[in-house]
Amino acid sequence: MNQIQISIIIPSFNSADFIKNTIYSCLSQEQINYEIIVVDDLGRDNTRKILEDLKKNTSRGVLKTIYRGAGLGQSTARNEGIKKALGKYICFL
């Protein structure tokens, strides 16, 4: 496998309305090797179920998730994503 060029980090909290389309948009990229890291705080919607369903149906293992406690915030979510990132470059959504 080629080295990951870009790590896409997505902080998430109550993101059920848009997380699926966001991830599909990322998955449509074909010219680079990338990983998608969703750092999800414990929200009150079904974001985690959506993420788990997407992980089951996503080939190549590019979708990774980090689950945390409720409301820890975007800044710490980004930092946790950076710690797990394998890419040469980092992109935040």
PDB file of N, CA and C in Angstrom:
ATOM      1  N   MET A   1       0.847  -1.195   0.000  1.00  0.00           N
ATOM      2  CA  MET A   1       0.000   0.000   0.000  1.00  0.00           C
ATOM      3  C   MET A   1       0.881   1.243   0.000  1.00  0.00           C
ATOM      4  N   ASN A   2       0.498   2.219  -0.790  1.00  0.00           N
ATOM      5  CA  ASN A   2       1.237   3.466  -0.842  1.00  0.00           C
ATOM      6  C   ASN A   2       1.018   4.264   0.432  1.00  0.00           C
ATOM      7  N   GLN A   3       1.976   5.108   0.745  1.00  0.00           N
ATOM      8  CA  GLN A   3       1.877   5.938   1.939  1.00  0.00           C
ATOM      9  C   GLN A   3       0.694   6.895   1.831  1.00  0.00           C
ATOM     10  N   ILE A   4       0.057   7.128   2.963  1.00  0.00           N
ATOM     11  CA  ILE A   4      -1.071   8.053   3.008  1.00  0.00           C
ATOM     12  C   ILE A   4      -0.545   9.467   2.824  1.00  0.00           C
ATOM     13  N   GLN A   5      -1.118  10.186   1.875  1.00  0.00           N
ATOM     14  CA  GLN A   5      -0.688  11.549   1.607  1.00  0.00           C
ATOM     15  C   GLN A   5      -1.425  12.563   2.474  1.00  0.00           C
ATOM     16  N   ILE A   6      -2.733  12.368   2.631  1.00  0.00           N
ATOM     17  CA  ILE A   6      -3.545  13.335   3.361  1.00  0.00           C
ATOM     18  C   ILE A   6      -4.408  12.643   4.403  1.00  0.00           C
ATOM     19  N   SER A   7      -4.407  13.197   5.605  1.00  0.00           N
ATOM     20  CA  SER A   7      -5.325  12.772   6.660  1.00  0.00           C
ATOM     21  C   SER A   7      -6.415  13.833   6.765  1.00  0.00           C
ATOM     22  N   ILE A   8      -7.647  13.418   6.534  1.00  0.00           N
ATOM     23  CA  ILE A   8      -8.796  14.322   6.628  1.00  0.00           C
ATOM     24  C   ILE A   8      -9.420  14.113   7.996  1.00  0.00           C
ATOM     25  N   ILE A   9      -9.391  15.136   8.827  1.00  0.00           N
ATOM     26  CA  ILE A   9      -9.900  15.029  10.192  1.00  0.00           C
ATOM     27  C   ILE A   9     -11.213  15.795  10.292  1.00  0.00           C
ATOM     28  N   ILE A  10     -12.239  15.090  10.785  1.00  0.00           N
ATOM     29  CA  ILE A  10     -13.578  15.674  10.876  1.00  0.00           C
ATOM     30  C   ILE A  10     -14.067  15.599  12.324  1.00  0.00           C
ATOM     31  N   PRO A  11     -14.070  16.714  13.063  1.00  0.00           N
ATOM     32  CA  PRO A  11     -14.707  16.716  14.379  1.00  0.00           C
ATOM     33  C   PRO A  11     -16.217  16.588  14.195  1.00  0.00           C
ATOM     34  N   SER A  12     -16.876  15.856  15.080  1.00  0.00           N
ATOM     35  CA  SER A  12     -18.299  15.597  14.900  1.00  0.00           C
ATOM     36  C   SER A  12     -19.037  15.655  16.238  1.00  0.00           C
ATOM     37  N   PHE A  13     -20.177  16.329  16.227  1.00  0.00           N
ATOM     38  CA  PHE A  13     -21.081  16.342  17.379  1.00  0.00           C
ATOM     39  C   PHE A  13     -22.487  16.574  16.837  1.00  0.00           C
ATOM     40  N   ASN A  14     -23.369  15.625  17.036  1.00  0.00           N
ATOM     41  CA  ASN A  14     -24.724  15.697  16.483  1.00  0.00           C
ATOM     42  C   ASN A  14     -24.682  15.999  14.986  1.00  0.00           C
ATOM     43  N   SER A  15     -23.964  15.187  14.251  1.00  0.00           N
ATOM     44  CA  SER A  15     -23.710  15.430  12.828  1.00  0.00           C
ATOM     45  C   SER A  15     -24.502  14.533  11.890  1.00  0.00           C
ATOM     46  N   ALA A  16     -25.524  13.881  12.387  1.00  0.00           N
ATOM     47  CA  ALA A  16     -26.258  12.901  11.585  1.00  0.00           C
ATOM     48  C   ALA A  16     -26.822  13.477  10.291  1.00  0.00           C
ATOM     49  N   ASP A  17     -27.196  14.758  10.305  1.00  0.00           N
ATOM     50  CA  ASP A  17     -27.818  15.348   9.121  1.00  0.00           C
ATOM     51  C   ASP A  17     -26.872  15.494   7.940  1.00  0.00           C
ATOM     52  N   PHE A  18     -25.555  15.565   8.201  1.00  0.00           N
ATOM     53  CA  PHE A  18     -24.636  15.813   7.092  1.00  0.00           C
ATOM     54  C   PHE A  18     -23.401  14.915   7.047  1.00  0.00           C
ATOM     55  N   ILE A  19     -23.174  14.074   8.048  1.00  0.00           N
ATOM     56  CA  ILE A  19     -21.920  13.307   8.101  1.00  0.00           C
ATOM     57  C   ILE A  19     -21.796  12.321   6.939  1.00  0.00           C
ATOM     58  N   LYS A  20     -22.891  11.714   6.543  1.00  0.00           N
ATOM     59  CA  LYS A  20     -22.853  10.741   5.453  1.00  0.00           C
ATOM     60  C   LYS A  20     -22.418  11.400   4.141  1.00  0.00           C
ATOM     61  N   ASN A  21     -23.027  12.523   3.790  1.00  0.00           N
ATOM     62  CA  ASN A  21     -22.647  13.225   2.564  1.00  0.00           C
ATOM     63  C   ASN A  21     -21.219  13.748   2.634  1.00  0.00           C
ATOM     64  N   THR A  22     -20.809  14.188   3.801  1.00  0.00           N
ATOM     65  CA  THR A  22     -19.436  14.671   3.978  1.00  0.00           C
ATOM     66  C   THR A  22     -18.440  13.555   3.696  1.00  0.00           C
ATOM     67  N   ILE A  23     -18.692  12.393   4.253  1.00  0.00           N
ATOM     68  CA  ILE A  23     -17.775  11.258   4.058  1.00  0.00           C
ATOM     69  C   ILE A  23     -17.813  10.775   2.615  1.00  0.00           C
ATOM     70  N   TYR A  24     -19.009  10.717   2.016  1.00  0.00           N
ATOM     71  CA  TYR A  24     -19.085  10.326   0.604  1.00  0.00           C
ATOM     72  C   TYR A  24     -18.309  11.282  -0.285  1.00  0.00           C
ATOM     73  N   SER A  25     -18.349  12.564   0.042  1.00  0.00           N
ATOM     74  CA  SER A  25     -17.591  13.547  -0.722  1.00  0.00           C
ATOM     75  C   SER A  25     -16.090  13.256  -0.614  1.00  0.00           C
ATOM     76  N   CYS A  26     -15.641  12.946   0.573  1.00  0.00           N
ATOM     77  CA  CYS A  26     -14.219  12.599   0.761  1.00  0.00           C
ATOM     78  C   CYS A  26     -13.867  11.313   0.015  1.00  0.00           C
ATOM     79  N   LEU A  27     -14.743  10.328   0.082  1.00  0.00           N
ATOM     80  CA  LEU A  27     -14.480   9.041  -0.562  1.00  0.00           C
ATOM     81  C   LEU A  27     -14.438   9.136  -2.083  1.00  0.00           C
ATOM     82  N   SER A  28     -14.994  10.197  -2.629  1.00  0.00           N
ATOM     83  CA  SER A  28     -15.007  10.331  -4.085  1.00  0.00           C
ATOM     84  C   SER A  28     -13.641  10.741  -4.648  1.00  0.00           C
ATOM     85  N   GLN A  29     -12.714  11.102  -3.780  1.00  0.00           N
ATOM     86  CA  GLN A  29     -11.376  11.494  -4.230  1.00  0.00           C
ATOM     87  C   GLN A  29     -10.610  10.250  -4.693  1.00  0.00           C
ATOM     88  N   GLU A  30     -10.049  10.302  -5.871  1.00  0.00           N
ATOM     89  CA  GLU A  30      -9.414   9.116  -6.428  1.00  0.00           C
ATOM     90  C   GLU A  30      -7.932   9.278  -6.752  1.00  0.00           C
ATOM     91  N   GLN A  31      -7.436  10.491  -6.809  1.00  0.00           N
ATOM     92  CA  GLN A  31      -6.073  10.708  -7.285  1.00  0.00           C
ATOM     93  C   GLN A  31      -5.024  10.662  -6.179  1.00  0.00           C
ATOM     94  N   ILE A  32      -5.451  10.527  -4.930  1.00  0.00           N
ATOM     95  CA  ILE A  32      -4.511  10.549  -3.813  1.00  0.00           C
ATOM     96  C   ILE A  32      -4.818   9.414  -2.852  1.00  0.00           C
ATOM     97  N   ASN A  33      -3.834   9.079  -2.044  1.00  0.00           N
ATOM     98  CA  ASN A  33      -4.044   8.144  -0.941  1.00  0.00           C
ATOM     99  C   ASN A  33      -4.365   8.975   0.296  1.00  0.00           C
ATOM    100  N   TYR A  34      -5.441   8.623   0.964  1.00  0.00           N
ATOM    101  CA  TYR A  34      -5.896   9.418   2.094  1.00  0.00           C
ATOM    102  C   TYR A  34      -6.549   8.531   3.136  1.00  0.00           C
ATOM    103  N   GLU A  35      -6.745   9.125   4.297  1.00  0.00           N
ATOM    104  CA  GLU A  35      -7.537   8.501   5.351  1.00  0.00           C
ATOM    105  C   GLU A  35      -8.506   9.551   5.864  1.00  0.00           C
ATOM    106  N   ILE A  36      -9.633   9.090   6.356  1.00  0.00           N
ATOM    107  CA  ILE A  36     -10.632   9.968   6.950  1.00  0.00           C
ATOM    108  C   ILE A  36     -10.731   9.581   8.419  1.00  0.00           C
ATOM    109  N   ILE A  37     -10.513  10.550   9.290  1.00  0.00           N
ATOM    110  CA  ILE A  37     -10.604  10.308  10.731  1.00  0.00           C
ATOM    111  C   ILE A  37     -11.734  11.168  11.279  1.00  0.00           C
ATOM    112  N   VAL A  38     -12.791  10.520  11.736  1.00  0.00           N
ATOM    113  CA  VAL A  38     -13.903  11.241  12.348  1.00  0.00           C
ATOM    114  C   VAL A  38     -13.751  11.114  13.857  1.00  0.00           C
ATOM    115  N   VAL A  39     -13.663  12.271  14.525  1.00  0.00           N
ATOM    116  CA  VAL A  39     -13.568  12.299  15.983  1.00  0.00           C
ATOM    117  C   VAL A  39     -14.923  12.745  16.502  1.00  0.00           C
ATOM    118  N   ASP A  40     -15.671  11.794  17.054  1.00  0.00           N
ATOM    119  CA  ASP A  40     -17.063  12.030  17.408  1.00  0.00           C
ATOM    120  C   ASP A  40     -17.245  12.163  18.913  1.00  0.00           C
ATOM    121  N   ASP A  41     -17.786  13.317  19.330  1.00  0.00           N
ATOM    122  CA  ASP A  41     -18.213  13.485  20.715  1.00  0.00           C
ATOM    123  C   ASP A  41     -19.594  12.857  20.847  1.00  0.00           C
ATOM    124  N   LEU A  42     -19.923  12.441  22.007  1.00  0.00           N
ATOM    125  CA  LEU A  42     -21.183  11.743  22.256  1.00  0.00           C
ATOM    126  C   LEU A  42     -22.355  12.704  22.118  1.00  0.00           C
ATOM    127  N   GLY A  43     -22.995  12.672  20.965  1.00  0.00           N
ATOM    128  CA  GLY A  43     -24.153  13.521  20.725  1.00  0.00           C
ATOM    129  C   GLY A  43     -25.442  12.790  21.044  1.00  0.00           C
ATOM    130  N   ARG A  44     -26.554  13.447  20.751  1.00  0.00           N
ATOM    131  CA  ARG A  44     -27.865  12.865  21.042  1.00  0.00           C
ATOM    132  C   ARG A  44     -28.560  12.346  19.800  1.00  0.00           C
ATOM    133  N   ASP A  45     -27.858  12.284  18.679  1.00  0.00           N
ATOM    134  CA  ASP A  45     -28.473  11.756  17.462  1.00  0.00           C
ATOM    135  C   ASP A  45     -27.834  10.413  17.104  1.00  0.00           C
ATOM    136  N   ASN A  46     -28.048   9.941  15.906  1.00  0.00           N
ATOM    137  CA  ASN A  46     -27.555   8.607  15.528  1.00  0.00           C
ATOM    138  C   ASN A  46     -26.276   8.670  14.680  1.00  0.00           C
ATOM    139  N   THR A  47     -25.438   9.674  14.920  1.00  0.00           N
ATOM    140  CA  THR A  47     -24.194   9.819  14.167  1.00  0.00           C
ATOM    141  C   THR A  47     -23.334   8.562  14.270  1.00  0.00           C
ATOM    142  N   ARG A  48     -23.201   8.007  15.447  1.00  0.00           N
ATOM    143  CA  ARG A  48     -22.329   6.835  15.617  1.00  0.00           C
ATOM    144  C   ARG A  48     -22.829   5.637  14.818  1.00  0.00           C
ATOM    145  N   LYS A  49     -24.124   5.430  14.771  1.00  0.00           N
ATOM    146  CA  LYS A  49     -24.659   4.327  13.970  1.00  0.00           C
ATOM    147  C   LYS A  49     -24.359   4.558  12.497  1.00  0.00           C
ATOM    148  N   ILE A  50     -24.531   5.778  12.032  1.00  0.00           N
ATOM    149  CA  ILE A  50     -24.220   6.102  10.640  1.00  0.00           C
ATOM    150  C   ILE A  50     -22.746   5.824  10.354  1.00  0.00           C
ATOM    151  N   LEU A  51     -21.876   6.259  11.251  1.00  0.00           N
ATOM    152  CA  LEU A  51     -20.438   6.036  11.059  1.00  0.00           C
ATOM    153  C   LEU A  51     -20.097   4.544  11.017  1.00  0.00           C
ATOM    154  N   GLU A  52     -20.676   3.773  11.904  1.00  0.00           N
ATOM    155  CA  GLU A  52     -20.396   2.332  11.926  1.00  0.00           C
ATOM    156  C   GLU A  52     -20.902   1.656  10.654  1.00  0.00           C
ATOM    157  N   ASP A  53     -22.073   2.060  10.168  1.00  0.00           N
ATOM    158  CA  ASP A  53     -22.587   1.512   8.912  1.00  0.00           C
ATOM    159  C   ASP A  53     -21.667   1.865   7.745  1.00  0.00           C
ATOM    160  N   LEU A  54     -21.183   3.103   7.718  1.00  0.00           N
ATOM    161  CA  LEU A  54     -20.263   3.521   6.661  1.00  0.00           C
ATOM    162  C   LEU A  54     -18.946   2.739   6.720  1.00  0.00           C
ATOM    163  N   LYS A  55     -18.451   2.517   7.929  1.00  0.00           N
ATOM    164  CA  LYS A  55     -17.202   1.755   8.073  1.00  0.00           C
ATOM    165  C   LYS A  55     -17.352   0.338   7.535  1.00  0.00           C
ATOM    166  N   LYS A  56     -18.495  -0.277   7.781  1.00  0.00           N
ATOM    167  CA  LYS A  56     -18.742  -1.644   7.299  1.00  0.00           C
ATOM    168  C   LYS A  56     -18.786  -1.701   5.780  1.00  0.00           C
ATOM    169  N   ASN A  57     -19.259  -0.624   5.160  1.00  0.00           N
ATOM    170  CA  ASN A  57     -19.458  -0.614   3.714  1.00  0.00           C
ATOM    171  C   ASN A  57     -18.373   0.128   2.943  1.00  0.00           C
ATOM    172  N   THR A  58     -17.326   0.545   3.633  1.00  0.00           N
ATOM    173  CA  THR A  58     -16.244   1.287   2.987  1.00  0.00           C
ATOM    174  C   THR A  58     -15.044   0.375   2.807  1.00  0.00           C
ATOM    175  N   SER A  59     -14.626   0.243   1.583  1.00  0.00           N
ATOM    176  CA  SER A  59     -13.452  -0.596   1.320  1.00  0.00           C
ATOM    177  C   SER A  59     -12.182   0.185   1.628  1.00  0.00           C
ATOM    178  N   ARG A  60     -11.093  -0.478   1.613  1.00  0.00           N
ATOM    179  CA  ARG A  60      -9.756   0.082   1.795  1.00  0.00           C
ATOM    180  C   ARG A  60      -9.454   0.549   3.203  1.00  0.00           C
ATOM    181  N   GLY A  61     -10.380   0.510   4.105  1.00  0.00           N
ATOM    182  CA  GLY A  61     -10.116   0.902   5.479  1.00  0.00           C
ATOM    183  C   GLY A  61      -9.716   2.350   5.663  1.00  0.00           C
ATOM    184  N   VAL A  62     -10.181   3.228   4.802  1.00  0.00           N
ATOM    185  CA  VAL A  62      -9.778   4.634   4.891  1.00  0.00           C
ATOM    186  C   VAL A  62     -10.557   5.406   5.948  1.00  0.00           C
ATOM    187  N   LEU A  63     -11.703   4.883   6.394  1.00  0.00           N
ATOM    188  CA  LEU A  63     -12.518   5.572   7.386  1.00  0.00           C
ATOM    189  C   LEU A  63     -12.194   5.042   8.779  1.00  0.00           C
ATOM    190  N   LYS A  64     -11.725   5.947   9.620  1.00  0.00           N
ATOM    191  CA  LYS A  64     -11.393   5.601  10.999  1.00  0.00           C
ATOM    192  C   LYS A  64     -12.219   6.489  11.920  1.00  0.00           C
ATOM    193  N   THR A  65     -12.577   5.962  13.088  1.00  0.00           N
ATOM    194  CA  THR A  65     -13.375   6.739  14.027  1.00  0.00           C
ATOM    195  C   THR A  65     -12.726   6.738  15.399  1.00  0.00           C
ATOM    196  N   ILE A  66     -12.885   7.851  16.074  1.00  0.00           N
ATOM    197  CA  ILE A  66     -12.485   7.989  17.472  1.00  0.00           C
ATOM    198  C   ILE A  66     -13.732   8.456  18.205  1.00  0.00           C
ATOM    199  N   TYR A  67     -14.151   7.706  19.214  1.00  0.00           N
ATOM    200  CA  TYR A  67     -15.338   8.064  19.976  1.00  0.00           C
ATOM    201  C   TYR A  67     -14.921   8.603  21.345  1.00  0.00           C
ATOM    202  N   ARG A  68     -15.513   9.725  21.725  1.00  0.00           N
ATOM    203  CA  ARG A  68     -15.153  10.381  22.978  1.00  0.00           C
ATOM    204  C   ARG A  68     -16.403  10.699  23.775  1.00  0.00           C
ATOM    205  N   GLY A  69     -16.216  11.253  24.961  1.00  0.00           N
ATOM    206  CA  GLY A  69     -17.335  11.678  25.795  1.00  0.00           C
ATOM    207  C   GLY A  69     -18.021  12.903  25.228  1.00  0.00           C
ATOM    208  N   ALA A  70     -19.132  13.271  25.798  1.00  0.00           N
ATOM    209  CA  ALA A  70     -19.957  14.357  25.264  1.00  0.00           C
ATOM    210  C   ALA A  70     -19.312  15.722  25.420  1.00  0.00           C
ATOM    211  N   GLY A  71     -19.404  16.494  24.347  1.00  0.00           N
ATOM    212  CA  GLY A  71     -19.085  17.908  24.402  1.00  0.00           C
ATOM    213  C   GLY A  71     -17.664  18.288  24.757  1.00  0.00           C
ATOM    214  N   LEU A  72     -16.684  17.542  24.325  1.00  0.00           N
ATOM    215  CA  LEU A  72     -15.293  17.884  24.644  1.00  0.00           C
ATOM    216  C   LEU A  72     -14.724  18.943  23.715  1.00  0.00           C
ATOM    217  N   GLY A  73     -15.399  19.230  22.624  1.00  0.00           N
ATOM    218  CA  GLY A  73     -15.046  20.361  21.784  1.00  0.00           C
ATOM    219  C   GLY A  73     -14.217  20.049  20.561  1.00  0.00           C
ATOM    220  N   GLN A  74     -14.283  20.982  19.595  1.00  0.00           N
ATOM    221  CA  GLN A  74     -13.603  20.815  18.310  1.00  0.00           C
ATOM    222  C   GLN A  74     -12.082  20.869  18.431  1.00  0.00           C
ATOM    223  N   SER A  75     -11.572  21.730  19.276  1.00  0.00           N
ATOM    224  CA  SER A  75     -10.115  21.865  19.380  1.00  0.00           C
ATOM    225  C   SER A  75      -9.469  20.572  19.850  1.00  0.00           C
ATOM    226  N   THR A  76     -10.010  19.980  20.899  1.00  0.00           N
ATOM    227  CA  THR A  76      -9.431  18.729  21.386  1.00  0.00           C
ATOM    228  C   THR A  76      -9.693  17.589  20.406  1.00  0.00           C
ATOM    229  N   ALA A  77     -10.818  17.659  19.685  1.00  0.00           N
ATOM    230  CA  ALA A  77     -11.099  16.642  18.660  1.00  0.00           C
ATOM    231  C   ALA A  77     -10.048  16.707  17.562  1.00  0.00           C
ATOM    232  N   ARG A  78      -9.718  17.897  17.125  1.00  0.00           N
ATOM    233  CA  ARG A  78      -8.680  18.054  16.105  1.00  0.00           C
ATOM    234  C   ARG A  78      -7.345  17.518  16.608  1.00  0.00           C
ATOM    235  N   ASN A  79      -7.017  17.844  17.841  1.00  0.00           N
ATOM    236  CA  ASN A  79      -5.745  17.369  18.403  1.00  0.00           C
ATOM    237  C   ASN A  79      -5.693  15.846  18.485  1.00  0.00           C
ATOM    238  N   GLU A  80      -6.782  15.219  18.875  1.00  0.00           N
ATOM    239  CA  GLU A  80      -6.818  13.748  18.919  1.00  0.00           C
ATOM    240  C   GLU A  80      -6.682  13.162  17.525  1.00  0.00           C
ATOM    241  N   GLY A  81      -7.328  13.792  16.554  1.00  0.00           N
ATOM    242  CA  GLY A  81      -7.208  13.342  15.173  1.00  0.00           C
ATOM    243  C   GLY A  81      -5.778  13.438  14.675  1.00  0.00           C
ATOM    244  N   ILE A  82      -5.112  14.525  15.003  1.00  0.00           N
ATOM    245  CA  ILE A  82      -3.708  14.705  14.598  1.00  0.00           C
ATOM    246  C   ILE A  82      -2.833  13.601  15.163  1.00  0.00           C
ATOM    247  N   LYS A  83      -3.069  13.231  16.406  1.00  0.00           N
ATOM    248  CA  LYS A  83      -2.269  12.179  17.047  1.00  0.00           C
ATOM    249  C   LYS A  83      -2.391  10.843  16.313  1.00  0.00           C
ATOM    250  N   LYS A  84      -3.547  10.584  15.728  1.00  0.00           N
ATOM    251  CA  LYS A  84      -3.782   9.316  15.028  1.00  0.00           C
ATOM    252  C   LYS A  84      -3.483   9.389  13.535  1.00  0.00           C
ATOM    253  N   ALA A  85      -3.257  10.586  13.033  1.00  0.00           N
ATOM    254  CA  ALA A  85      -3.077  10.788  11.595  1.00  0.00           C
ATOM    255  C   ALA A  85      -1.770  10.171  11.098  1.00  0.00           C
ATOM    256  N   LEU A  86      -1.851   9.542   9.926  1.00  0.00           N
ATOM    257  CA  LEU A  86      -0.692   8.930   9.281  1.00  0.00           C
ATOM    258  C   LEU A  86      -0.248   9.677   8.033  1.00  0.00           C
ATOM    259  N   GLY A  87      -1.026  10.655   7.621  1.00  0.00           N
ATOM    260  CA  GLY A  87      -0.743  11.365   6.375  1.00  0.00           C
ATOM    261  C   GLY A  87       0.399  12.352   6.482  1.00  0.00           C
ATOM    262  N   LYS A  88       0.983  12.639   5.340  1.00  0.00           N
ATOM    263  CA  LYS A  88       2.030  13.651   5.251  1.00  0.00           C
ATOM    264  C   LYS A  88       1.437  15.035   5.496  1.00  0.00           C
ATOM    265  N   TYR A  89       0.199  15.249   5.041  1.00  0.00           N
ATOM    266  CA  TYR A  89      -0.515  16.510   5.201  1.00  0.00           C
ATOM    267  C   TYR A  89      -1.810  16.259   5.958  1.00  0.00           C
ATOM    268  N   ILE A  90      -2.313  17.309   6.616  1.00  0.00           N
ATOM    269  CA  ILE A  90      -3.549  17.211   7.387  1.00  0.00           C
ATOM    270  C   ILE A  90      -4.539  18.246   6.878  1.00  0.00           C
ATOM    271  N   CYS A  91      -5.794  17.805   6.747  1.00  0.00           N
ATOM    272  CA  CYS A  91      -6.884  18.680   6.312  1.00  0.00           C
ATOM    273  C   CYS A  91      -8.000  18.554   7.337  1.00  0.00           C
ATOM    274  N   PHE A  92      -8.572  19.681   7.739  1.00  0.00           N
ATOM    275  CA  PHE A  92      -9.700  19.663   8.662  1.00  0.00           C
ATOM    276  C   PHE A  92     -10.977  20.030   7.922  1.00  0.00           C
ATOM    277  N   LEU A  93     -12.053  19.313   8.213  1.00  0.00           N
ATOM    278  CA  LEU A  93     -13.380  19.679   7.698  1.00  0.00           C
ATOM    279  C   LEU A  93     -14.267  20.011   8.887  1.00  0.00           C
TER     280      LEU A  93
END
